[in-house]
């Protein structure tokens, strides 16, 4: 009575289910890759991290400043002024690049915080504009004072000067 039963053989349906799930994941991954490729060709490469973008900005500004011709200084001061500009640009790049390389996550954090601040500001401004345009007094309720019968054409309160 203590017979051991052999382990049941997996039915042929189980590998088919695993293959179907894998096929679904593969098809979804292919669709996602195709969509990303389409967007990349349509809009260009996605922006990098905030640190990479700041580095690109510094390089672009440095190139523009180095290529600037100064019409205000005239022909005599041109080469000397360009040399000073190049030196200042090199010093600025030397100061900024190590900070960017050491703390790339800080710039991502600052960019995210800036986005959140912008969203909060935009929300506050839209709420205030909505109150102004609808003509309601807002959360304080009706703002008429005890001596103001509500007469007049303006939104202001009547002030008794006696």
C-alpha atoms as a PDB file:
ATOM      1  CA  UNK A   1       0.000   0.000   0.000  1.00  0.00           C
ATOM      2  CA  UNK A   2       2.905   2.297   0.160  1.00  0.00           C
ATOM      3  CA  UNK A   3       3.284   2.492  -3.537  1.00  0.00           C
ATOM      4  CA  UNK A   4       4.871   5.572  -4.995  1.00  0.00           C
ATOM      5  CA  UNK A   5       2.991   7.193  -7.744  1.00  0.00           C
ATOM      6  CA  UNK A   6       4.938   8.450 -10.695  1.00  0.00           C
ATOM      7  CA  UNK A   7       4.854  12.190 -11.230  1.00  0.00           C
ATOM      8  CA  UNK A   8       2.202  13.182 -13.727  1.00  0.00           C
ATOM      9  CA  UNK A   9       3.533  14.088 -17.143  1.00  0.00           C
ATOM     10  CA  UNK A  10       2.896  17.679 -18.110  1.00  0.00           C
ATOM     11  CA  UNK A  11       0.011  17.887 -20.484  1.00  0.00           C
ATOM     12  CA  UNK A  12       0.641  19.216 -23.977  1.00  0.00           C
ATOM     13  CA  UNK A  13      -1.539  22.277 -23.187  1.00  0.00           C
ATOM     14  CA  UNK A  14       0.887  23.762 -20.602  1.00  0.00           C
ATOM     15  CA  UNK A  15       3.791  24.454 -23.002  1.00  0.00           C
ATOM     16  CA  UNK A  16       1.319  26.023 -25.412  1.00  0.00           C
ATOM     17  CA  UNK A  17       0.143  28.444 -22.699  1.00  0.00           C
ATOM     18  CA  UNK A  18       3.729  29.388 -21.882  1.00  0.00           C
ATOM     19  CA  UNK A  19       4.453  29.925 -25.558  1.00  0.00           C
ATOM     20  CA  UNK A  20       1.338  32.085 -25.953  1.00  0.00           C
ATOM     21  CA  UNK A  21       2.301  34.258 -22.984  1.00  0.00           C
ATOM     22  CA  UNK A  22       5.816  34.582 -24.342  1.00  0.00           C
ATOM     23  CA  UNK A  23       4.472  35.408 -27.806  1.00  0.00           C
ATOM     24  CA  UNK A  24       2.280  38.112 -26.314  1.00  0.00           C
ATOM     25  CA  UNK A  25       5.235  39.659 -24.455  1.00  0.00           C
ATOM     26  CA  UNK A  26       7.391  39.431 -27.570  1.00  0.00           C
ATOM     27  CA  UNK A  27       4.734  41.075 -29.749  1.00  0.00           C
ATOM     28  CA  UNK A  28       4.215  43.855 -27.196  1.00  0.00           C
ATOM     29  CA  UNK A  29       7.971  44.474 -26.991  1.00  0.00           C
ATOM     30  CA  UNK A  30       8.224  44.579 -30.790  1.00  0.00           C
ATOM     31  CA  UNK A  31       5.333  47.048 -31.008  1.00  0.00           C
ATOM     32  CA  UNK A  32       6.917  49.238 -28.337  1.00  0.00           C
ATOM     33  CA  UNK A  33      10.276  49.191 -30.120  1.00  0.00           C
ATOM     34  CA  UNK A  34       8.613  50.071 -33.430  1.00  0.00           C
ATOM     35  CA  UNK A  35       6.718  52.963 -31.813  1.00  0.00           C
ATOM     36  CA  UNK A  36       9.899  54.282 -30.209  1.00  0.00           C
ATOM     37  CA  UNK A  37      11.734  54.080 -33.537  1.00  0.00           C
ATOM     38  CA  UNK A  38       8.897  55.929 -35.277  1.00  0.00           C
ATOM     39  CA  UNK A  39       8.920  58.695 -32.665  1.00  0.00           C
ATOM     40  CA  UNK A  40      12.701  58.938 -32.804  1.00  0.00           C
ATOM     41  CA  UNK A  41      12.610  59.474 -36.580  1.00  0.00           C
ATOM     42  CA  UNK A  42       9.713  61.915 -36.269  1.00  0.00           C
ATOM     43  CA  UNK A  43      10.932  63.988 -33.316  1.00  0.00           C
ATOM     44  CA  UNK A  44      14.636  63.226 -33.130  1.00  0.00           C
ATOM     45  CA  UNK A  45      16.404  61.491 -30.276  1.00  0.00           C
ATOM     46  CA  UNK A  46      14.841  61.844 -26.830  1.00  0.00           C
ATOM     47  CA  UNK A  47      16.492  64.357 -24.520  1.00  0.00           C
ATOM     48  CA  UNK A  48      19.152  63.012 -22.207  1.00  0.00           C
ATOM     49  CA  UNK A  49      19.423  63.601 -18.529  1.00  0.00           C
ATOM     50  CA  UNK A  50      19.419  67.133 -17.181  1.00  0.00           C
ATOM     51  CA  UNK A  51      23.188  66.931 -16.643  1.00  0.00           C
ATOM     52  CA  UNK A  52      23.782  65.950 -20.283  1.00  0.00           C
ATOM     53  CA  UNK A  53      21.507  68.735 -21.498  1.00  0.00           C
ATOM     54  CA  UNK A  54      23.306  71.293 -19.309  1.00  0.00           C
ATOM     55  CA  UNK A  55      26.639  70.119 -20.684  1.00  0.00           C
ATOM     56  CA  UNK A  56      25.325  70.525 -24.253  1.00  0.00           C
ATOM     57  CA  UNK A  57      24.065  74.017 -23.391  1.00  0.00           C
ATOM     58  CA  UNK A  58      27.431  75.048 -21.956  1.00  0.00           C
ATOM     59  CA  UNK A  59      29.232  73.724 -25.044  1.00  0.00           C
ATOM     60  CA  UNK A  60      26.834  75.494 -27.417  1.00  0.00           C
ATOM     61  CA  UNK A  61      27.075  78.815 -25.578  1.00  0.00           C
ATOM     62  CA  UNK A  62      30.864  78.497 -25.485  1.00  0.00           C
ATOM     63  CA  UNK A  63      30.988  77.869 -29.238  1.00  0.00           C
ATOM     64  CA  UNK A  64      28.697  80.835 -29.956  1.00  0.00           C
ATOM     65  CA  UNK A  65      30.696  83.180 -27.734  1.00  0.00           C
ATOM     66  CA  UNK A  66      33.986  82.038 -29.211  1.00  0.00           C
ATOM     67  CA  UNK A  67      32.722  82.677 -32.732  1.00  0.00           C
ATOM     68  CA  UNK A  68      31.322  86.128 -31.959  1.00  0.00           C
ATOM     69  CA  UNK A  69      32.864  89.095 -33.705  1.00  0.00           C
ATOM     70  CA  UNK A  70      32.770  92.302 -31.699  1.00  0.00           C
ATOM     71  CA  UNK A  71      31.779  95.248 -33.924  1.00  0.00           C
ATOM     72  CA  UNK A  72      31.725  97.594 -30.927  1.00  0.00           C
ATOM     73  CA  UNK A  73      35.411  97.224 -30.158  1.00  0.00           C
ATOM     74  CA  UNK A  74      36.606  97.846 -33.674  1.00  0.00           C
ATOM     75  CA  UNK A  75      39.294  96.089 -35.683  1.00  0.00           C
ATOM     76  CA  UNK A  76      42.168  96.793 -33.290  1.00  0.00           C
ATOM     77  CA  UNK A  77      40.635  95.265 -30.183  1.00  0.00           C
ATOM     78  CA  UNK A  78      39.079  92.313 -32.037  1.00  0.00           C
ATOM     79  CA  UNK A  79      41.795  89.672 -31.574  1.00  0.00           C
ATOM     80  CA  UNK A  80      42.487  90.700 -27.968  1.00  0.00           C
ATOM     81  CA  UNK A  81      38.775  90.690 -27.118  1.00  0.00           C
ATOM     82  CA  UNK A  82      38.329  87.274 -28.714  1.00  0.00           C
ATOM     83  CA  UNK A  83      41.221  85.928 -26.665  1.00  0.00           C
ATOM     84  CA  UNK A  84      39.650  87.253 -23.456  1.00  0.00           C
ATOM     85  CA  UNK A  85      36.284  85.713 -24.393  1.00  0.00           C
ATOM     86  CA  UNK A  86      37.926  82.342 -25.105  1.00  0.00           C
ATOM     87  CA  UNK A  87      39.747  82.453 -21.781  1.00  0.00           C
ATOM     88  CA  UNK A  88      36.565  83.285 -19.842  1.00  0.00           C
ATOM     89  CA  UNK A  89      34.655  80.527 -21.645  1.00  0.00           C
ATOM     90  CA  UNK A  90      37.368  77.971 -20.871  1.00  0.00           C
ATOM     91  CA  UNK A  91      37.369  78.972 -17.200  1.00  0.00           C
ATOM     92  CA  UNK A  92      33.585  78.681 -17.014  1.00  0.00           C
ATOM     93  CA  UNK A  93      33.634  75.248 -18.667  1.00  0.00           C
ATOM     94  CA  UNK A  94      36.411  74.106 -16.331  1.00  0.00           C
ATOM     95  CA  UNK A  95      34.301  75.158 -13.339  1.00  0.00           C
ATOM     96  CA  UNK A  96      30.986  73.697 -14.544  1.00  0.00           C
ATOM     97  CA  UNK A  97      31.996  70.340 -16.053  1.00  0.00           C
ATOM     98  CA  UNK A  98      33.399  68.720 -12.862  1.00  0.00           C
ATOM     99  CA  UNK A  99      30.241  69.679 -10.967  1.00  0.00           C
ATOM    100  CA  UNK A 100      28.079  68.131 -13.690  1.00  0.00           C
ATOM    101  CA  UNK A 101      30.145  64.937 -13.750  1.00  0.00           C
ATOM    102  CA  UNK A 102      30.169  64.517  -9.956  1.00  0.00           C
ATOM    103  CA  UNK A 103      26.467  65.215  -9.402  1.00  0.00           C
ATOM    104  CA  UNK A 104      24.378  64.239 -12.437  1.00  0.00           C
ATOM    105  CA  UNK A 105      21.458  63.113 -10.246  1.00  0.00           C
ATOM    106  CA  UNK A 106      21.262  66.529  -8.607  1.00  0.00           C
ATOM    107  CA  UNK A 107      20.439  68.140 -11.945  1.00  0.00           C
ATOM    108  CA  UNK A 108      17.705  65.567 -12.618  1.00  0.00           C
ATOM    109  CA  UNK A 109      16.292  66.277  -9.160  1.00  0.00           C
ATOM    110  CA  UNK A 110      16.427  70.049  -9.735  1.00  0.00           C
ATOM    111  CA  UNK A 111      14.733  69.669 -13.120  1.00  0.00           C
ATOM    112  CA  UNK A 112      11.947  67.585 -11.553  1.00  0.00           C
ATOM    113  CA  UNK A 113      11.534  70.080  -8.707  1.00  0.00           C
ATOM    114  CA  UNK A 114      11.371  72.935 -11.197  1.00  0.00           C
ATOM    115  CA  UNK A 115       8.665  71.121 -13.124  1.00  0.00           C
ATOM    116  CA  UNK A 116       6.664  70.592  -9.935  1.00  0.00           C
ATOM    117  CA  UNK A 117       7.020  74.266  -8.976  1.00  0.00           C
ATOM    118  CA  UNK A 118       5.880  75.312 -12.431  1.00  0.00           C
ATOM    119  CA  UNK A 119       2.838  73.034 -12.203  1.00  0.00           C
ATOM    120  CA  UNK A 120       1.924  74.425  -8.762  1.00  0.00           C
ATOM    121  CA  UNK A 121       2.327  78.019  -9.960  1.00  0.00           C
ATOM    122  CA  UNK A 122       0.263  77.341 -13.075  1.00  0.00           C
ATOM    123  CA  UNK A 123      -2.478  75.745 -10.973  1.00  0.00           C
ATOM    124  CA  UNK A 124      -2.593  78.706  -8.584  1.00  0.00           C
ATOM    125  CA  UNK A 125      -2.694  81.232 -11.417  1.00  0.00           C
ATOM    126  CA  UNK A 126      -5.427  79.354 -13.266  1.00  0.00           C
ATOM    127  CA  UNK A 127      -7.532  79.124 -10.106  1.00  0.00           C
ATOM    128  CA  UNK A 128      -7.161  82.857  -9.468  1.00  0.00           C
ATOM    129  CA  UNK A 129      -7.956  83.729 -13.094  1.00  0.00           C
ATOM    130  CA  UNK A 130     -11.035  81.511 -12.927  1.00  0.00           C
ATOM    131  CA  UNK A 131     -12.260  83.419  -9.850  1.00  0.00           C
ATOM    132  CA  UNK A 132     -11.618  86.756 -11.565  1.00  0.00           C
ATOM    133  CA  UNK A 133     -13.423  85.815 -14.754  1.00  0.00           C
ATOM    134  CA  UNK A 134     -16.445  84.201 -13.085  1.00  0.00           C
ATOM    135  CA  UNK A 135     -16.949  87.143 -10.731  1.00  0.00           C
ATOM    136  CA  UNK A 136     -17.150  85.127  -7.532  1.00  0.00           C
ATOM    137  CA  UNK A 137     -15.512  86.385  -4.398  1.00  0.00           C
ATOM    138  CA  UNK A 138     -13.710  83.129  -3.743  1.00  0.00           C
ATOM    139  CA  UNK A 139     -13.405  81.178  -0.507  1.00  0.00           C
ATOM    140  CA  UNK A 140     -14.019  84.237   1.720  1.00  0.00           C
ATOM    141  CA  UNK A 141     -17.602  84.447   0.435  1.00  0.00           C
ATOM    142  CA  UNK A 142     -19.435  87.702  -0.076  1.00  0.00           C
ATOM    143  CA  UNK A 143     -17.098  90.594   0.639  1.00  0.00           C
ATOM    144  CA  UNK A 144     -19.665  93.331   1.222  1.00  0.00           C
ATOM    145  CA  UNK A 145     -19.029  95.249   4.396  1.00  0.00           C
ATOM    146  CA  UNK A 146     -21.697  96.154   6.972  1.00  0.00           C
ATOM    147  CA  UNK A 147     -22.039  99.709   5.625  1.00  0.00           C
ATOM    148  CA  UNK A 148     -21.966  98.758   1.941  1.00  0.00           C
ATOM    149  CA  UNK A 149     -25.444  98.438   0.468  1.00  0.00           C
ATOM    150  CA  UNK A 150     -23.978  97.022  -2.733  1.00  0.00           C
ATOM    151  CA  UNK A 151     -24.585 100.148  -4.767  1.00  0.00           C
ATOM    152  CA  UNK A 152     -22.321 101.435  -7.466  1.00  0.00           C
ATOM    153  CA  UNK A 153     -20.786 100.042 -10.587  1.00  0.00           C
ATOM    154  CA  UNK A 154     -17.374  99.038  -9.304  1.00  0.00           C
ATOM    155  CA  UNK A 155     -16.302  95.972  -7.390  1.00  0.00           C
ATOM    156  CA  UNK A 156     -14.790  98.076  -4.571  1.00  0.00           C
ATOM    157  CA  UNK A 157     -16.123  98.768  -1.090  1.00  0.00           C
ATOM    158  CA  UNK A 158     -17.532 102.112  -0.073  1.00  0.00           C
ATOM    159  CA  UNK A 159     -15.348 103.772   2.561  1.00  0.00           C
ATOM    160  CA  UNK A 160     -16.855 106.344   4.924  1.00  0.00           C
ATOM    161  CA  UNK A 161     -14.320 109.110   5.536  1.00  0.00           C
ATOM    162  CA  UNK A 162     -16.236 110.891   8.338  1.00  0.00           C
END
